[in-house]
Each structure stands twice: as structure tokens, then as C-alpha cells.
């Protein structure tokens, strides 16, 4: 989704795309265009949704730092062997998420395949009056998750107590810590990784 450094360029591109046809959009979109143009992309009116299919994508307006971060996230997913698809049309809190947003889906749920989603909030805590620290968050549909779990393997067993907690000494060793944690998991141990930046 980019960050404060590149969000402006995307906002300008989106406004330039919508402006010539703004009169054809619904009244709600016209209000959103002035207040928060990103919200126009979340319109449920079929004609507006069809127009928005051709809108520019946030991923095409990333600054160098956000592009590097995006590529690192994709490398991490590939290293883990997790299949993913870059969805240039994902609509998820463009006004407060930064850089990474995601959705989880399950092929076991049919057309309503979304399990949940979330992302990274670099400035949201500060905007809400708290300290200037980053955060991540997500939401999930409990019933959908349970249905997908039962379809996959029956009722879920309780999680075991963790065997380890991996911590990277610095950002340069973060990849090694991740790979070590994965190797320990592959050996049958359960544990977690410290995701806080060392910087």
C-alpha cells in the first residue's frame, strides 16, 4: 500500500483517473472523492465498481523503500513455501495501513472464500494519541476459520506450549533467525519469532 512518502503520488494518480468521470459516480463516491479519494475504490455500486477496475494500483506507485520492503515480504513468503498472489485491487484501509496488507482465503469455502485479513499500521497508534510505534493487526471470520479447519482436518487440537522463541540480534540477522525458527519447526519443535525491528 505504500507509506506517507509515496501515498501522495498514488492519491494524485487516483484523482486524475476518477475526475473526468466523477459526474457519473454515485453521490457517496462524489463526497469520498473530496474527503478521502481512496474510499471511492470501496464503492459497492456495480457501475462504479466496473469503472474502478481500470483505476491505477497502489503497488505501481511505491517509493524505493516501500518497493524494497514489498520485495522482501514476497521473498519471505517464497522462502517459507507459502503460495500467494499479488492482488492489485485489494481494498483494505488505504488511509491508515502502511506497506503490507493481506487477505487469507480458503479453497474449501466456495465463493465466500475470505478467512480474514489485515496489515501493518506504522502511524495509527500515534494518530490515536499513543506513542509513535508501529503495529500490525488483522480481523478474521471465526465461523469461516472453523469451517475451513474442520473441512481440512476435523476439529482443531489445542496448540502445544512453545519450545523456543527466536530473537534476531540485528536487522541483518533477521533472515537467519527466521530460517532457524523454520528449521526448528520442521524438526518438530513449536515456537515463535521476534518480529520487532532491532533498529
Protein backbone atom coordinates (compact mmCIF):
# COMPACT_ATOMS: atom_id res chain seq x y z
CA UNK A 1 0.00 0.00 0.00
CA UNK A 2 2.98 2.31 0.30
CA UNK A 3 3.55 4.82 3.09
CA UNK A 4 3.43 8.58 3.68
CA UNK A 5 6.35 9.04 1.28
CA UNK A 6 4.57 7.60 -1.76
CA UNK A 7 0.87 7.75 -0.83
CA UNK A 8 0.60 11.28 -2.24
CA UNK A 9 1.67 10.18 -5.72
CA UNK A 10 -0.93 7.43 -5.69
CA UNK A 11 -3.61 9.81 -4.39
CA UNK A 12 -2.86 12.20 -7.28
CA UNK A 13 -2.99 9.38 -9.85
CA UNK A 14 -6.30 8.12 -8.47
CA UNK A 15 -7.85 11.60 -8.52
CA UNK A 16 -6.66 12.13 -12.09
CA UNK A 17 -8.26 8.81 -13.09
CA UNK A 18 -11.62 9.49 -11.41
CA UNK A 19 -12.01 13.23 -12.11
CA UNK A 20 -13.03 13.01 -15.81
CA UNK A 21 -15.93 10.66 -14.92
CA UNK A 22 -16.74 11.94 -11.44
CA UNK A 23 -20.20 13.14 -12.52
CA UNK A 24 -21.12 9.53 -13.37
CA UNK A 25 -20.19 8.20 -9.92
CA UNK A 26 -22.74 7.81 -7.11
CA UNK A 27 -23.28 10.66 -4.64
CA UNK A 28 -21.37 8.80 -1.93
CA UNK A 29 -18.32 8.50 -4.20
CA UNK A 30 -18.52 12.20 -5.04
CA UNK A 31 -18.29 13.01 -1.31
CA UNK A 32 -15.49 10.47 -0.83
CA UNK A 33 -13.57 11.97 -3.75
CA UNK A 34 -13.19 15.24 -1.83
CA UNK A 35 -12.68 13.81 1.66
CA UNK A 36 -10.69 10.63 1.02
CA UNK A 37 -10.38 9.53 -2.59
CA UNK A 38 -9.12 6.06 -1.58
CA UNK A 39 -12.60 5.25 -0.25
CA UNK A 40 -14.03 5.56 -3.78
CA UNK A 41 -12.35 2.21 -4.52
CA UNK A 42 -14.55 0.57 -1.87
CA UNK A 43 -17.82 1.53 -3.58
CA UNK A 44 -20.41 -1.26 -3.87
CA UNK A 45 -22.43 0.31 -6.73
CA UNK A 46 -21.95 -2.04 -9.72
CA UNK A 47 -21.30 0.73 -12.28
CA UNK A 48 -18.73 2.39 -10.03
CA UNK A 49 -17.06 -0.95 -9.28
CA UNK A 50 -16.75 -1.57 -13.02
CA UNK A 51 -15.17 1.86 -13.55
CA UNK A 52 -12.75 1.26 -10.67
CA UNK A 53 -11.46 -1.97 -12.26
CA UNK A 54 -9.31 0.22 -14.52
CA UNK A 55 -8.07 2.51 -11.72
CA UNK A 56 -4.34 2.76 -11.06
CA UNK A 57 -2.99 0.37 -8.41
CA UNK A 58 -1.12 1.44 -5.26
CA UNK A 59 1.64 -1.13 -5.91
CA UNK A 60 2.57 0.75 -9.10
CA UNK A 61 3.32 3.95 -7.12
CA UNK A 62 5.62 2.62 -4.40
CA UNK A 63 8.69 4.65 -3.45
CA UNK A 64 12.07 2.87 -3.43
CA UNK A 65 11.92 1.99 0.28
CA UNK A 66 8.39 0.58 0.02
CA UNK A 67 9.28 -1.33 -3.15
CA UNK A 68 12.25 -2.89 -1.35
CA UNK A 69 10.01 -3.80 1.62
CA UNK A 70 7.39 -5.31 -0.70
CA UNK A 71 10.02 -7.45 -2.42
CA UNK A 72 11.38 -8.59 0.98
CA UNK A 73 7.89 -9.68 2.07
CA UNK A 74 7.48 -11.68 -1.14
CA UNK A 75 10.92 -13.28 -0.68
CA UNK A 76 9.95 -14.30 2.86
CA UNK A 77 6.74 -15.92 1.63
CA UNK A 78 8.63 -17.77 -1.10
CA UNK A 79 11.31 -18.91 1.38
CA UNK A 80 8.52 -20.32 3.54
CA UNK A 81 6.92 -22.04 0.55
CA UNK A 82 3.65 -20.16 1.03
CA UNK A 83 1.68 -19.63 -2.17
CA UNK A 84 0.47 -16.06 -2.68
CA UNK A 85 -0.97 -13.80 -5.32
CA UNK A 86 -0.36 -10.05 -5.54
CA UNK A 87 -3.84 -8.52 -5.70
CA UNK A 88 -3.52 -5.05 -7.19
CA UNK A 89 -7.20 -4.41 -6.45
CA UNK A 90 -7.17 -5.22 -2.75
CA UNK A 91 -9.25 -2.72 -0.79
CA UNK A 92 -8.21 -2.57 2.83
CA UNK A 93 -7.91 0.67 4.82
CA UNK A 94 -5.81 2.63 2.35
CA UNK A 95 -5.94 5.63 4.65
CA UNK A 96 -4.29 4.01 7.66
CA UNK A 97 -2.45 0.85 6.58
CA UNK A 98 1.18 1.19 5.54
CA UNK A 99 3.15 -1.01 3.20
CA UNK A 100 1.83 -4.51 3.81
CA UNK A 101 -1.81 -5.58 3.61
CA UNK A 102 -3.07 -9.10 3.12
CA UNK A 103 -6.06 -11.39 2.97
CA UNK A 104 -6.25 -15.11 3.67
CA UNK A 105 -8.58 -17.30 1.62
CA UNK A 106 -9.52 -20.96 1.66
CA UNK A 107 -10.49 -23.07 -1.36
CA UNK A 108 -12.71 -25.10 0.99
CA UNK A 109 -15.27 -22.31 1.41
CA UNK A 110 -16.58 -21.84 -2.12
CA UNK A 111 -17.37 -18.33 -3.40
CA UNK A 112 -17.19 -16.78 0.08
CA UNK A 113 -13.55 -17.83 0.50
CA UNK A 114 -12.16 -14.98 2.63
CA UNK A 115 -11.00 -16.05 6.08
CA UNK A 116 -9.66 -12.69 7.18
CA UNK A 117 -7.07 -10.06 6.53
CA UNK A 118 -5.06 -7.23 7.97
CA UNK A 119 -1.81 -5.37 7.65
CA UNK A 120 0.76 -3.03 9.06
CA UNK A 121 -0.03 0.29 10.77
CA UNK A 122 3.11 2.41 11.12
CA UNK A 123 1.36 5.58 12.26
CA UNK A 124 -2.06 4.52 13.54
CA UNK A 125 -1.13 4.30 17.24
CA UNK A 126 0.25 7.86 17.16
CA UNK A 127 -2.84 9.10 15.27
CA UNK A 128 -4.97 7.67 18.08
CA UNK A 129 -2.98 9.59 20.72
CA UNK A 130 -0.48 6.88 21.66
CA UNK A 131 3.28 6.63 21.16
CA UNK A 132 4.81 6.74 17.70
CA UNK A 133 5.31 2.99 17.27
CA UNK A 134 4.41 0.57 14.53
CA UNK A 135 1.79 -2.12 14.88
CA UNK A 136 0.07 -4.87 12.93
CA UNK A 137 -3.50 -6.02 13.10
CA UNK A 138 -5.98 -8.31 11.50
CA UNK A 139 -9.56 -9.45 11.62
CA UNK A 140 -10.92 -12.89 10.89
CA UNK A 141 -14.29 -14.50 10.47
CA UNK A 142 -14.37 -17.04 13.30
CA UNK A 143 -17.08 -19.19 11.74
CA UNK A 144 -15.29 -19.28 8.38
CA UNK A 145 -11.98 -20.21 10.00
CA UNK A 146 -13.65 -23.03 11.94
CA UNK A 147 -15.43 -24.30 8.83
CA UNK A 148 -12.17 -24.31 6.86
CA UNK A 149 -10.32 -26.08 9.70
CA UNK A 150 -12.97 -28.76 10.03
CA UNK A 151 -13.03 -29.29 6.27
CA UNK A 152 -9.25 -29.68 6.28
CA UNK A 153 -8.63 -31.93 9.26
CA UNK A 154 -11.57 -32.15 11.62
CA UNK A 155 -11.79 -30.25 14.92
CA UNK A 156 -8.61 -28.39 15.87
CA UNK A 157 -6.40 -29.71 18.67
CA UNK A 158 -5.10 -27.27 21.30
CA UNK A 159 -1.76 -25.65 20.48
CA UNK A 160 1.26 -27.10 22.34
CA UNK A 161 3.35 -24.98 24.71
CA UNK A 162 6.19 -23.30 22.77
CA UNK A 163 9.64 -24.90 22.79
CA UNK A 164 11.55 -21.79 21.69
CA UNK A 165 11.41 -18.06 20.97
CA UNK A 166 13.89 -16.84 18.33
CA UNK A 167 15.26 -13.28 18.53
CA UNK A 168 17.42 -11.59 15.89
CA UNK A 169 20.43 -9.69 17.24
CA UNK A 170 20.06 -7.06 14.49
CA UNK A 171 18.21 -6.48 11.23
CA UNK A 172 20.99 -8.12 9.20
CA UNK A 173 20.46 -11.41 11.03
CA UNK A 174 16.65 -11.34 10.84
CA UNK A 175 16.61 -13.67 7.81
CA UNK A 176 18.89 -16.15 9.62
CA UNK A 177 16.64 -16.07 12.70
CA UNK A 178 13.60 -16.71 10.53
CA UNK A 179 15.24 -19.65 8.74
CA UNK A 180 16.44 -21.07 12.08
CA UNK A 181 12.93 -20.83 13.52
CA UNK A 182 11.56 -22.61 10.47
CA UNK A 183 14.19 -25.34 10.74
CA UNK A 184 13.28 -25.86 14.40
CA UNK A 185 9.60 -26.06 13.47
CA UNK A 186 10.40 -28.55 10.70
CA UNK A 187 12.22 -30.64 13.34
CA UNK A 188 9.00 -30.86 15.33
CA UNK A 189 9.51 -28.03 17.83
CA UNK A 190 6.96 -25.28 18.34
CA UNK A 191 7.91 -21.67 18.87
CA UNK A 192 7.78 -18.12 17.65
CA UNK A 193 9.97 -15.38 16.24
CA UNK A 194 10.50 -11.82 17.48
CA UNK A 195 9.13 -9.54 14.76
CA UNK A 196 10.20 -6.24 16.33
CA UNK A 197 12.89 -4.41 14.36
CA UNK A 198 16.25 -4.24 16.10
CA UNK A 199 16.76 -0.70 14.76
